[in-house]
Amino acid sequence: MKKLLVSIVAALMAVPSFAQYSSGGFELDKESLYYGIRFGGTLASVGGDVSVGTKVGLTLAGVIGLRVSSTAPVFLESGLYYTQRGAKEGNITITHDNLEIPVLVKYGFKATDEIALLPFFGPYFAYAVSSEYKYKGETAPTDQFRPNRNNMGFKLGCGAEFNKIYAEVGYQFGVTNFMDSDDFTAHNNAFFLNLGLNF
């Protein structure tokens, strides 16, 4: 996991600067291209036929966005996220560490002269780089727990930007079954709160 985090940070530092196209990330009065970094936390759970309590996790991401309309402050944003998902309740612990690519549509409007609000919605596509199920501290045998590493879902929330400082809160809900089973379904869900910078 340490090697993965180091690789993601190195990739973020290697992203070329688009600051000449925008100042502060979201300029609502003209076209802009921006990129940013995000760091935050999640309160994840599992829904579906399997319902397990919440588990705290981390998020680290690099994003890039583009204004897609010349007449309205509509932005399309994507990026690469490392997210910790899963659930925990009693003797059961489910852990999923995902690489995630969202495709979000954002609409910006000014709350004040210095603060922009950006509600967003869109799908995400994820791959579990690690997946584990534990009961009473013991890892389940693979013939009893076969995770589906590919999953997708939707994210919705709202961001706020002030002088390049960005914050967002939202919820994401999985629509694919992350268990390789025809007997029951299990979906990754999570509340999230991220902070970061836009350039």
N, C-alpha and C. Protein backbone atom coordinates (compact mmCIF):
# COMPACT_ATOMS: atom_id res chain seq x y z
N MET A 1 0.82 -1.20 0.00
CA MET A 1 0.00 0.00 0.00
C MET A 1 0.86 1.26 0.00
N LYS A 2 2.00 1.22 0.72
CA LYS A 2 2.89 2.38 0.76
C LYS A 2 3.42 2.70 -0.63
N LYS A 3 3.79 1.66 -1.40
CA LYS A 3 4.28 1.88 -2.76
C LYS A 3 3.21 2.50 -3.64
N LEU A 4 1.95 2.07 -3.45
CA LEU A 4 0.86 2.63 -4.23
C LEU A 4 0.66 4.11 -3.92
N LEU A 5 0.67 4.48 -2.63
CA LEU A 5 0.50 5.88 -2.26
C LEU A 5 1.63 6.74 -2.80
N VAL A 6 2.86 6.23 -2.73
CA VAL A 6 4.01 6.97 -3.26
C VAL A 6 3.87 7.18 -4.76
N SER A 7 3.40 6.16 -5.47
CA SER A 7 3.22 6.26 -6.92
C SER A 7 2.17 7.29 -7.28
N ILE A 8 1.06 7.33 -6.51
CA ILE A 8 0.00 8.30 -6.78
C ILE A 8 0.49 9.72 -6.53
N VAL A 9 1.20 9.93 -5.42
CA VAL A 9 1.73 11.27 -5.13
C VAL A 9 2.71 11.70 -6.21
N ALA A 10 3.57 10.79 -6.67
CA ALA A 10 4.53 11.12 -7.72
C ALA A 10 3.81 11.49 -9.01
N ALA A 11 2.73 10.78 -9.33
CA ALA A 11 1.97 11.09 -10.53
C ALA A 11 1.32 12.46 -10.45
N LEU A 12 0.81 12.81 -9.27
CA LEU A 12 0.20 14.12 -9.09
C LEU A 12 1.22 15.23 -9.27
N MET A 13 2.43 15.02 -8.76
CA MET A 13 3.47 16.04 -8.87
C MET A 13 3.96 16.20 -10.30
N ALA A 14 3.75 15.15 -11.12
CA ALA A 14 4.22 15.20 -12.49
C ALA A 14 3.22 15.84 -13.44
N VAL A 15 2.00 16.14 -12.96
CA VAL A 15 0.99 16.74 -13.81
C VAL A 15 1.41 18.15 -14.21
N PRO A 16 1.40 18.51 -15.49
CA PRO A 16 1.80 19.85 -15.90
C PRO A 16 0.83 20.90 -15.40
N SER A 17 1.32 22.11 -15.24
CA SER A 17 0.50 23.20 -14.70
C SER A 17 -0.39 23.78 -15.78
N PHE A 18 -1.66 23.95 -15.45
CA PHE A 18 -2.61 24.61 -16.33
C PHE A 18 -3.02 25.97 -15.75
N ALA A 19 -2.19 26.52 -14.88
CA ALA A 19 -2.55 27.75 -14.18
C ALA A 19 -2.77 28.90 -15.14
N GLN A 20 -2.11 28.86 -16.34
CA GLN A 20 -2.27 29.96 -17.27
C GLN A 20 -3.67 30.03 -17.85
N TYR A 21 -4.45 28.94 -17.71
CA TYR A 21 -5.80 28.93 -18.24
C TYR A 21 -6.83 29.40 -17.23
N SER A 22 -6.49 29.33 -15.96
CA SER A 22 -7.46 29.72 -14.94
C SER A 22 -6.75 30.13 -13.67
N SER A 23 -7.41 30.88 -12.86
CA SER A 23 -6.86 31.30 -11.58
C SER A 23 -7.87 30.96 -10.50
N GLY A 24 -7.53 30.04 -9.65
CA GLY A 24 -8.45 29.64 -8.61
C GLY A 24 -9.33 28.48 -8.98
N GLY A 25 -9.05 27.85 -10.13
CA GLY A 25 -9.79 26.65 -10.49
C GLY A 25 -11.05 26.96 -11.26
N PHE A 26 -12.07 27.52 -10.64
CA PHE A 26 -13.34 27.74 -11.29
C PHE A 26 -13.54 29.23 -11.53
N GLU A 27 -13.45 29.64 -12.78
CA GLU A 27 -13.80 31.01 -13.16
C GLU A 27 -15.11 30.93 -13.91
N LEU A 28 -16.16 31.39 -13.27
CA LEU A 28 -17.49 31.17 -13.79
C LEU A 28 -17.81 32.05 -14.99
N ASP A 29 -17.01 33.08 -15.24
CA ASP A 29 -17.33 34.02 -16.31
C ASP A 29 -16.55 33.75 -17.59
N LYS A 30 -15.75 32.69 -17.65
CA LYS A 30 -15.02 32.39 -18.88
C LYS A 30 -14.64 30.92 -18.91
N GLU A 31 -14.23 30.45 -20.09
CA GLU A 31 -13.83 29.07 -20.21
C GLU A 31 -12.57 28.82 -19.40
N SER A 32 -12.44 27.62 -18.83
CA SER A 32 -11.28 27.33 -18.01
C SER A 32 -10.96 25.85 -18.03
N LEU A 33 -9.70 25.59 -17.85
CA LEU A 33 -9.19 24.23 -17.65
C LEU A 33 -8.45 24.25 -16.33
N TYR A 34 -8.69 23.29 -15.49
CA TYR A 34 -8.09 23.30 -14.16
C TYR A 34 -7.68 21.90 -13.77
N TYR A 35 -6.80 21.82 -12.79
CA TYR A 35 -6.52 20.54 -12.17
C TYR A 35 -6.41 20.76 -10.68
N GLY A 36 -6.46 19.69 -9.92
CA GLY A 36 -6.46 19.84 -8.47
C GLY A 36 -6.04 18.57 -7.76
N ILE A 37 -5.85 18.69 -6.47
CA ILE A 37 -5.54 17.56 -5.61
C ILE A 37 -6.62 17.49 -4.53
N ARG A 38 -6.89 16.27 -4.08
CA ARG A 38 -7.91 16.06 -3.07
C ARG A 38 -7.38 15.09 -2.00
N PHE A 39 -7.75 15.37 -0.76
CA PHE A 39 -7.44 14.47 0.35
C PHE A 39 -8.62 14.51 1.30
N GLY A 40 -9.06 13.35 1.75
CA GLY A 40 -10.22 13.38 2.62
C GLY A 40 -10.51 12.05 3.28
N GLY A 41 -11.74 11.93 3.75
CA GLY A 41 -12.15 10.73 4.46
C GLY A 41 -13.50 10.24 4.00
N THR A 42 -13.77 8.97 4.28
CA THR A 42 -15.04 8.36 3.94
C THR A 42 -15.63 7.65 5.15
N LEU A 43 -16.93 7.55 5.14
CA LEU A 43 -17.66 6.73 6.10
C LEU A 43 -18.43 5.72 5.26
N ALA A 44 -17.79 4.56 5.05
CA ALA A 44 -18.29 3.58 4.09
C ALA A 44 -19.17 2.54 4.76
N SER A 45 -20.03 1.94 3.96
CA SER A 45 -20.91 0.87 4.43
C SER A 45 -21.21 -0.06 3.26
N VAL A 46 -21.85 -1.16 3.57
CA VAL A 46 -22.26 -2.13 2.56
C VAL A 46 -23.77 -2.24 2.60
N GLY A 47 -24.38 -2.16 1.42
CA GLY A 47 -25.83 -2.28 1.31
C GLY A 47 -26.20 -3.46 0.43
N GLY A 48 -27.48 -3.61 0.18
CA GLY A 48 -27.98 -4.74 -0.60
C GLY A 48 -28.52 -5.82 0.32
N ASP A 49 -28.39 -7.07 -0.12
CA ASP A 49 -28.84 -8.19 0.72
C ASP A 49 -27.96 -8.33 1.96
N VAL A 50 -26.70 -7.89 1.82
CA VAL A 50 -25.77 -7.88 2.96
C VAL A 50 -25.73 -6.47 3.51
N SER A 51 -26.09 -6.28 4.74
CA SER A 51 -26.08 -4.96 5.36
C SER A 51 -25.13 -4.97 6.56
N VAL A 52 -24.03 -4.23 6.42
CA VAL A 52 -23.01 -4.19 7.46
C VAL A 52 -22.75 -2.73 7.82
N GLY A 53 -22.35 -2.47 9.05
CA GLY A 53 -22.16 -1.11 9.55
C GLY A 53 -20.99 -0.38 8.91
N THR A 54 -20.74 0.82 9.39
CA THR A 54 -19.81 1.74 8.74
C THR A 54 -18.35 1.47 9.11
N LYS A 55 -17.48 1.95 8.22
CA LYS A 55 -16.05 1.82 8.38
C LYS A 55 -15.39 3.09 7.86
N VAL A 56 -14.46 3.66 8.62
CA VAL A 56 -13.78 4.89 8.23
C VAL A 56 -12.62 4.57 7.28
N GLY A 57 -12.46 5.39 6.24
CA GLY A 57 -11.38 5.19 5.29
C GLY A 57 -10.83 6.52 4.81
N LEU A 58 -9.82 6.46 3.95
CA LEU A 58 -9.13 7.64 3.43
C LEU A 58 -9.32 7.75 1.92
N THR A 59 -9.12 8.98 1.42
CA THR A 59 -9.18 9.25 -0.01
C THR A 59 -7.99 10.13 -0.40
N LEU A 60 -7.37 9.81 -1.54
CA LEU A 60 -6.29 10.62 -2.11
C LEU A 60 -6.52 10.65 -3.61
N ALA A 61 -6.46 11.85 -4.22
CA ALA A 61 -6.82 11.95 -5.63
C ALA A 61 -6.14 13.11 -6.32
N GLY A 62 -6.04 12.97 -7.63
CA GLY A 62 -5.69 14.07 -8.52
C GLY A 62 -6.80 14.20 -9.54
N VAL A 63 -7.27 15.42 -9.81
CA VAL A 63 -8.41 15.64 -10.70
C VAL A 63 -8.05 16.62 -11.79
N ILE A 64 -8.81 16.57 -12.86
CA ILE A 64 -8.68 17.54 -13.95
C ILE A 64 -10.08 17.85 -14.45
N GLY A 65 -10.35 19.12 -14.74
CA GLY A 65 -11.68 19.52 -15.16
C GLY A 65 -11.63 20.52 -16.30
N LEU A 66 -12.72 20.60 -17.04
CA LEU A 66 -12.81 21.47 -18.20
C LEU A 66 -14.21 22.05 -18.29
N ARG A 67 -14.26 23.34 -18.52
CA ARG A 67 -15.57 23.95 -18.79
C ARG A 67 -16.02 23.52 -20.17
N VAL A 68 -17.26 23.02 -20.28
CA VAL A 68 -17.72 22.43 -21.53
C VAL A 68 -18.80 23.27 -22.22
N SER A 69 -19.13 24.43 -21.65
CA SER A 69 -20.13 25.30 -22.26
C SER A 69 -19.60 26.73 -22.27
N SER A 70 -19.81 27.42 -23.39
CA SER A 70 -19.39 28.83 -23.48
C SER A 70 -20.45 29.77 -22.96
N THR A 71 -21.65 29.26 -22.69
CA THR A 71 -22.74 30.12 -22.24
C THR A 71 -23.18 29.86 -20.81
N ALA A 72 -22.71 28.75 -20.21
CA ALA A 72 -23.10 28.42 -18.84
C ALA A 72 -21.90 27.81 -18.11
N PRO A 73 -21.81 28.02 -16.80
CA PRO A 73 -20.68 27.48 -16.02
C PRO A 73 -20.83 25.99 -15.73
N VAL A 74 -20.79 25.18 -16.79
CA VAL A 74 -20.90 23.74 -16.69
C VAL A 74 -19.51 23.14 -16.89
N PHE A 75 -19.10 22.28 -15.96
CA PHE A 75 -17.77 21.68 -16.00
C PHE A 75 -17.88 20.17 -16.04
N LEU A 76 -16.92 19.54 -16.70
CA LEU A 76 -16.77 18.09 -16.69
C LEU A 76 -15.47 17.78 -15.97
N GLU A 77 -15.54 16.95 -14.92
CA GLU A 77 -14.37 16.66 -14.10
C GLU A 77 -14.15 15.15 -13.98
N SER A 78 -12.88 14.76 -14.08
CA SER A 78 -12.51 13.37 -13.87
C SER A 78 -11.18 13.36 -13.11
N GLY A 79 -10.60 12.19 -12.94
CA GLY A 79 -9.34 12.09 -12.22
C GLY A 79 -9.10 10.66 -11.78
N LEU A 80 -8.10 10.48 -10.96
CA LEU A 80 -7.76 9.17 -10.42
C LEU A 80 -7.80 9.26 -8.90
N TYR A 81 -8.64 8.43 -8.28
CA TYR A 81 -8.82 8.42 -6.83
C TYR A 81 -8.32 7.09 -6.27
N TYR A 82 -7.66 7.16 -5.13
CA TYR A 82 -7.41 5.99 -4.30
C TYR A 82 -8.35 6.10 -3.11
N THR A 83 -9.26 5.16 -2.96
CA THR A 83 -10.27 5.24 -1.91
C THR A 83 -10.31 3.95 -1.11
N GLN A 84 -10.55 4.09 0.18
CA GLN A 84 -10.73 2.94 1.05
C GLN A 84 -12.22 2.77 1.35
N ARG A 85 -12.74 1.60 0.99
CA ARG A 85 -14.16 1.30 1.17
C ARG A 85 -14.30 0.05 2.03
N GLY A 86 -15.52 -0.31 2.31
CA GLY A 86 -15.78 -1.52 3.08
C GLY A 86 -16.83 -1.29 4.14
N ALA A 87 -16.77 -2.09 5.19
CA ALA A 87 -17.74 -1.99 6.29
C ALA A 87 -17.21 -2.77 7.48
N LYS A 88 -17.76 -2.45 8.64
CA LYS A 88 -17.34 -3.14 9.85
C LYS A 88 -18.50 -3.17 10.83
N GLU A 89 -18.75 -4.36 11.39
CA GLU A 89 -19.80 -4.50 12.39
C GLU A 89 -19.56 -5.78 13.17
N GLY A 90 -19.43 -5.65 14.46
CA GLY A 90 -19.21 -6.83 15.29
C GLY A 90 -17.93 -7.56 14.91
N ASN A 91 -18.07 -8.82 14.57
CA ASN A 91 -16.92 -9.65 14.22
C ASN A 91 -16.59 -9.62 12.73
N ILE A 92 -17.35 -8.84 11.95
CA ILE A 92 -17.18 -8.84 10.49
C ILE A 92 -16.48 -7.55 10.06
N THR A 93 -15.43 -7.69 9.24
CA THR A 93 -14.74 -6.55 8.65
C THR A 93 -14.55 -6.82 7.17
N ILE A 94 -15.06 -5.92 6.33
CA ILE A 94 -14.90 -6.00 4.87
C ILE A 94 -14.06 -4.80 4.45
N THR A 95 -13.01 -5.06 3.68
CA THR A 95 -12.10 -4.00 3.26
C THR A 95 -11.93 -4.04 1.75
N HIS A 96 -12.11 -2.88 1.11
CA HIS A 96 -11.85 -2.71 -0.32
C HIS A 96 -11.01 -1.45 -0.51
N ASP A 97 -9.83 -1.60 -1.10
CA ASP A 97 -9.02 -0.46 -1.50
C ASP A 97 -9.15 -0.32 -3.01
N ASN A 98 -9.74 0.80 -3.44
CA ASN A 98 -10.10 0.96 -4.84
C ASN A 98 -9.28 2.03 -5.55
N LEU A 99 -9.04 1.81 -6.83
CA LEU A 99 -8.66 2.87 -7.76
C LEU A 99 -9.93 3.25 -8.50
N GLU A 100 -10.26 4.53 -8.49
CA GLU A 100 -11.57 4.97 -8.95
C GLU A 100 -11.43 6.12 -9.93
N ILE A 101 -12.20 6.07 -11.01
CA ILE A 101 -12.25 7.15 -11.99
C ILE A 101 -13.69 7.65 -12.09
N PRO A 102 -13.98 8.85 -11.60
CA PRO A 102 -15.33 9.40 -11.73
C PRO A 102 -15.45 10.24 -13.01
N VAL A 103 -16.66 10.42 -13.48
CA VAL A 103 -16.96 11.34 -14.59
C VAL A 103 -18.11 12.21 -14.10
N LEU A 104 -17.76 13.40 -13.60
CA LEU A 104 -18.74 14.24 -12.90
C LEU A 104 -19.09 15.47 -13.73
N VAL A 105 -20.36 15.81 -13.73
CA VAL A 105 -20.84 17.06 -14.30
C VAL A 105 -21.08 18.03 -13.15
N LYS A 106 -20.45 19.21 -13.24
CA LYS A 106 -20.59 20.22 -12.19
C LYS A 106 -21.20 21.49 -12.78
N TYR A 107 -22.07 22.10 -12.00
CA TYR A 107 -22.63 23.40 -12.39
C TYR A 107 -22.25 24.42 -11.32
N GLY A 108 -21.59 25.48 -11.72
CA GLY A 108 -21.11 26.47 -10.76
C GLY A 108 -21.95 27.72 -10.70
N PHE A 109 -22.08 28.24 -9.51
CA PHE A 109 -22.72 29.55 -9.34
C PHE A 109 -22.10 30.24 -8.14
N LYS A 110 -22.16 31.55 -8.14
CA LYS A 110 -21.53 32.34 -7.09
C LYS A 110 -22.43 32.42 -5.87
N ALA A 111 -21.89 32.00 -4.73
CA ALA A 111 -22.59 32.21 -3.47
C ALA A 111 -22.32 33.62 -2.96
N THR A 112 -21.06 34.05 -3.12
CA THR A 112 -20.64 35.43 -2.85
C THR A 112 -19.67 35.82 -3.95
N ASP A 113 -19.11 37.02 -3.85
CA ASP A 113 -18.13 37.45 -4.84
C ASP A 113 -16.87 36.61 -4.81
N GLU A 114 -16.62 35.91 -3.70
CA GLU A 114 -15.38 35.15 -3.56
C GLU A 114 -15.58 33.65 -3.45
N ILE A 115 -16.82 33.20 -3.28
CA ILE A 115 -17.09 31.78 -3.07
C ILE A 115 -18.00 31.25 -4.19
N ALA A 116 -17.55 30.17 -4.83
CA ALA A 116 -18.36 29.49 -5.84
C ALA A 116 -18.84 28.16 -5.28
N LEU A 117 -20.10 27.85 -5.52
CA LEU A 117 -20.67 26.55 -5.16
C LEU A 117 -20.84 25.72 -6.43
N LEU A 118 -20.53 24.40 -6.30
CA LEU A 118 -20.55 23.54 -7.47
C LEU A 118 -21.21 22.20 -7.15
N PRO A 119 -22.53 22.10 -7.24
CA PRO A 119 -23.17 20.79 -7.10
C PRO A 119 -22.76 19.89 -8.26
N PHE A 120 -22.68 18.57 -8.00
CA PHE A 120 -22.20 17.66 -9.03
C PHE A 120 -22.92 16.32 -8.95
N PHE A 121 -22.87 15.63 -10.08
CA PHE A 121 -23.45 14.28 -10.17
C PHE A 121 -22.78 13.56 -11.33
N GLY A 122 -22.61 12.24 -11.17
CA GLY A 122 -22.07 11.46 -12.27
C GLY A 122 -21.66 10.07 -11.84
N PRO A 123 -21.32 9.22 -12.80
CA PRO A 123 -20.92 7.86 -12.49
C PRO A 123 -19.45 7.77 -12.08
N TYR A 124 -19.10 6.68 -11.44
CA TYR A 124 -17.69 6.36 -11.19
C TYR A 124 -17.45 4.90 -11.54
N PHE A 125 -16.22 4.62 -11.92
CA PHE A 125 -15.80 3.27 -12.28
C PHE A 125 -14.60 2.92 -11.42
N ALA A 126 -14.62 1.77 -10.76
CA ALA A 126 -13.60 1.44 -9.77
C ALA A 126 -13.08 0.02 -9.96
N TYR A 127 -11.86 -0.16 -9.51
CA TYR A 127 -11.23 -1.49 -9.48
C TYR A 127 -10.61 -1.69 -8.11
N ALA A 128 -10.95 -2.79 -7.45
CA ALA A 128 -10.44 -3.08 -6.11
C ALA A 128 -9.02 -3.66 -6.22
N VAL A 129 -8.02 -2.85 -5.85
CA VAL A 129 -6.64 -3.34 -5.90
C VAL A 129 -6.37 -4.33 -4.76
N SER A 130 -7.17 -4.25 -3.72
CA SER A 130 -7.12 -5.26 -2.65
C SER A 130 -8.52 -5.40 -2.07
N SER A 131 -8.84 -6.62 -1.67
CA SER A 131 -10.17 -6.91 -1.14
C SER A 131 -10.06 -8.02 -0.12
N GLU A 132 -10.67 -7.81 1.06
CA GLU A 132 -10.51 -8.78 2.14
C GLU A 132 -11.76 -8.84 2.99
N TYR A 133 -12.08 -10.04 3.43
CA TYR A 133 -13.21 -10.26 4.32
C TYR A 133 -12.69 -10.99 5.55
N LYS A 134 -12.94 -10.44 6.72
CA LYS A 134 -12.49 -11.08 7.95
C LYS A 134 -13.66 -11.29 8.90
N TYR A 135 -13.65 -12.45 9.52
CA TYR A 135 -14.64 -12.76 10.55
C TYR A 135 -13.89 -13.18 11.81
N LYS A 136 -14.09 -12.43 12.89
CA LYS A 136 -13.36 -12.64 14.14
C LYS A 136 -11.84 -12.59 13.93
N GLY A 137 -11.42 -11.70 13.03
CA GLY A 137 -9.99 -11.51 12.81
C GLY A 137 -9.35 -12.49 11.86
N GLU A 138 -10.11 -13.50 11.39
CA GLU A 138 -9.57 -14.50 10.49
C GLU A 138 -10.05 -14.24 9.06
N THR A 139 -9.11 -14.28 8.11
CA THR A 139 -9.45 -14.05 6.71
C THR A 139 -10.23 -15.23 6.17
N ALA A 140 -11.32 -14.92 5.47
CA ALA A 140 -12.16 -15.98 4.92
C ALA A 140 -11.46 -16.68 3.77
N PRO A 141 -11.64 -17.99 3.61
CA PRO A 141 -11.09 -18.72 2.46
C PRO A 141 -11.65 -18.18 1.15
N THR A 142 -10.85 -18.25 0.09
CA THR A 142 -11.27 -17.68 -1.19
C THR A 142 -12.48 -18.39 -1.77
N ASP A 143 -12.70 -19.66 -1.42
CA ASP A 143 -13.87 -20.35 -1.95
C ASP A 143 -15.16 -19.89 -1.27
N GLN A 144 -15.04 -19.18 -0.13
CA GLN A 144 -16.21 -18.65 0.56
C GLN A 144 -16.41 -17.16 0.29
N PHE A 145 -15.33 -16.49 -0.09
CA PHE A 145 -15.43 -15.05 -0.34
C PHE A 145 -14.70 -14.75 -1.64
N ARG A 146 -15.46 -14.55 -2.71
CA ARG A 146 -14.88 -14.28 -4.03
C ARG A 146 -15.34 -12.89 -4.46
N PRO A 147 -14.54 -11.87 -4.24
CA PRO A 147 -14.96 -10.51 -4.59
C PRO A 147 -14.91 -10.26 -6.08
N ASN A 148 -15.84 -9.45 -6.55
CA ASN A 148 -15.82 -8.93 -7.91
C ASN A 148 -15.05 -7.61 -7.87
N ARG A 149 -13.86 -7.59 -8.43
CA ARG A 149 -13.00 -6.40 -8.27
C ARG A 149 -13.48 -5.21 -9.08
N ASN A 150 -14.23 -5.42 -10.15
CA ASN A 150 -14.76 -4.32 -10.95
C ASN A 150 -16.11 -3.89 -10.40
N ASN A 151 -16.26 -2.60 -10.19
CA ASN A 151 -17.55 -2.11 -9.72
C ASN A 151 -17.76 -0.68 -10.18
N MET A 152 -18.99 -0.27 -10.17
CA MET A 152 -19.34 1.10 -10.56
C MET A 152 -20.52 1.58 -9.73
N GLY A 153 -20.76 2.88 -9.83
CA GLY A 153 -21.87 3.48 -9.10
C GLY A 153 -21.99 4.94 -9.49
N PHE A 154 -22.59 5.73 -8.60
CA PHE A 154 -22.83 7.14 -8.87
C PHE A 154 -22.44 7.97 -7.66
N LYS A 155 -21.98 9.18 -7.94
CA LYS A 155 -21.62 10.14 -6.90
C LYS A 155 -22.48 11.39 -7.05
N LEU A 156 -22.90 11.94 -5.94
CA LEU A 156 -23.58 13.23 -5.95
C LEU A 156 -23.17 14.01 -4.72
N GLY A 157 -23.10 15.31 -4.86
CA GLY A 157 -22.68 16.14 -3.74
C GLY A 157 -22.56 17.58 -4.16
N CYS A 158 -21.83 18.34 -3.36
CA CYS A 158 -21.64 19.76 -3.66
C CYS A 158 -20.25 20.18 -3.18
N GLY A 159 -19.58 20.95 -4.02
CA GLY A 159 -18.28 21.49 -3.67
C GLY A 159 -18.35 23.00 -3.50
N ALA A 160 -17.33 23.55 -2.85
CA ALA A 160 -17.22 25.00 -2.67
C ALA A 160 -15.76 25.38 -2.88
N GLU A 161 -15.54 26.48 -3.62
CA GLU A 161 -14.18 26.92 -3.91
C GLU A 161 -13.98 28.37 -3.49
N PHE A 162 -12.88 28.60 -2.77
CA PHE A 162 -12.53 29.95 -2.32
C PHE A 162 -11.03 30.12 -2.48
N ASN A 163 -10.63 31.00 -3.41
CA ASN A 163 -9.23 31.34 -3.60
C ASN A 163 -8.34 30.10 -3.72
N LYS A 164 -8.73 29.20 -4.63
CA LYS A 164 -8.04 27.95 -4.94
C LYS A 164 -8.25 26.85 -3.90
N ILE A 165 -8.80 27.17 -2.74
CA ILE A 165 -9.08 26.16 -1.73
C ILE A 165 -10.44 25.54 -2.02
N TYR A 166 -10.48 24.22 -2.04
CA TYR A 166 -11.69 23.52 -2.45
C TYR A 166 -12.11 22.54 -1.36
N ALA A 167 -13.41 22.42 -1.15
CA ALA A 167 -13.97 21.45 -0.21
C ALA A 167 -15.25 20.88 -0.82
N GLU A 168 -15.50 19.61 -0.55
CA GLU A 168 -16.71 18.99 -1.07
C GLU A 168 -17.23 17.94 -0.10
N VAL A 169 -18.53 17.75 -0.15
CA VAL A 169 -19.17 16.72 0.65
C VAL A 169 -20.19 16.02 -0.24
N GLY A 170 -20.35 14.72 -0.05
CA GLY A 170 -21.29 14.02 -0.90
C GLY A 170 -21.49 12.57 -0.48
N TYR A 171 -22.18 11.86 -1.36
CA TYR A 171 -22.50 10.46 -1.12
C TYR A 171 -22.33 9.69 -2.42
N GLN A 172 -21.78 8.49 -2.33
CA GLN A 172 -21.70 7.65 -3.50
C GLN A 172 -22.29 6.28 -3.19
N PHE A 173 -23.01 5.76 -4.17
CA PHE A 173 -23.69 4.48 -3.98
C PHE A 173 -23.36 3.55 -5.14
N GLY A 174 -22.96 2.34 -4.79
CA GLY A 174 -22.62 1.35 -5.80
C GLY A 174 -23.85 0.70 -6.38
N VAL A 175 -23.76 0.34 -7.65
CA VAL A 175 -24.88 -0.34 -8.33
C VAL A 175 -24.50 -1.74 -8.79
N THR A 176 -23.22 -2.09 -8.72
CA THR A 176 -22.81 -3.43 -9.09
C THR A 176 -22.58 -4.28 -7.83
N ASN A 177 -22.74 -5.56 -7.97
CA ASN A 177 -22.54 -6.49 -6.88
C ASN A 177 -21.05 -6.79 -6.75
N PHE A 178 -20.43 -6.39 -5.63
CA PHE A 178 -19.00 -6.64 -5.50
C PHE A 178 -18.69 -8.05 -5.00
N MET A 179 -19.72 -8.86 -4.75
CA MET A 179 -19.53 -10.26 -4.40
C MET A 179 -19.84 -11.13 -5.63
N ASP A 180 -18.94 -12.04 -5.94
CA ASP A 180 -19.12 -12.94 -7.07
C ASP A 180 -20.06 -14.07 -6.66
N SER A 181 -21.34 -13.71 -6.52
CA SER A 181 -22.32 -14.67 -6.04
C SER A 181 -23.68 -14.37 -6.67
N ASP A 182 -24.40 -15.42 -6.99
CA ASP A 182 -25.76 -15.27 -7.50
C ASP A 182 -26.79 -15.37 -6.38
N ASP A 183 -26.35 -15.69 -5.17
CA ASP A 183 -27.26 -15.89 -4.05
C ASP A 183 -27.64 -14.60 -3.34
N PHE A 184 -26.74 -13.60 -3.37
CA PHE A 184 -27.02 -12.34 -2.69
C PHE A 184 -26.21 -11.22 -3.33
N THR A 185 -26.62 -10.01 -3.05
CA THR A 185 -25.93 -8.83 -3.59
C THR A 185 -25.34 -8.00 -2.46
N ALA A 186 -24.27 -7.29 -2.78
CA ALA A 186 -23.62 -6.39 -1.83
C ALA A 186 -23.07 -5.21 -2.60
N HIS A 187 -23.36 -4.01 -2.13
CA HIS A 187 -22.96 -2.79 -2.81
C HIS A 187 -22.13 -1.91 -1.88
N ASN A 188 -21.11 -1.28 -2.45
CA ASN A 188 -20.30 -0.32 -1.70
C ASN A 188 -20.99 1.04 -1.68
N ASN A 189 -21.20 1.60 -0.51
CA ASN A 189 -21.76 2.94 -0.35
C ASN A 189 -20.86 3.75 0.58
N ALA A 190 -20.88 5.07 0.45
CA ALA A 190 -20.02 5.87 1.32
C ALA A 190 -20.42 7.34 1.31
N PHE A 191 -20.41 7.95 2.49
CA PHE A 191 -20.38 9.39 2.61
C PHE A 191 -18.91 9.82 2.51
N PHE A 192 -18.66 10.98 1.91
CA PHE A 192 -17.27 11.43 1.79
C PHE A 192 -17.16 12.94 2.02
N LEU A 193 -16.01 13.32 2.52
CA LEU A 193 -15.66 14.72 2.72
C LEU A 193 -14.21 14.90 2.26
N ASN A 194 -14.00 15.75 1.25
CA ASN A 194 -12.67 15.97 0.71
C ASN A 194 -12.28 17.44 0.76
N LEU A 195 -11.01 17.68 0.98
CA LEU A 195 -10.42 19.01 0.91
C LEU A 195 -9.32 18.99 -0.14
N GLY A 196 -8.99 20.17 -0.67
CA GLY A 196 -7.93 20.19 -1.67
C GLY A 196 -7.68 21.57 -2.22
N LEU A 197 -6.94 21.59 -3.33
CA LEU A 197 -6.59 22.82 -4.01
C LEU A 197 -6.90 22.68 -5.49
N ASN A 198 -7.33 23.76 -6.13
CA ASN A 198 -7.51 23.83 -7.57
C ASN A 198 -6.49 24.79 -8.16
N PHE A 199 -5.93 24.42 -9.29
CA PHE A 199 -4.91 25.27 -9.94
C PHE A 199 -5.30 25.60 -11.36
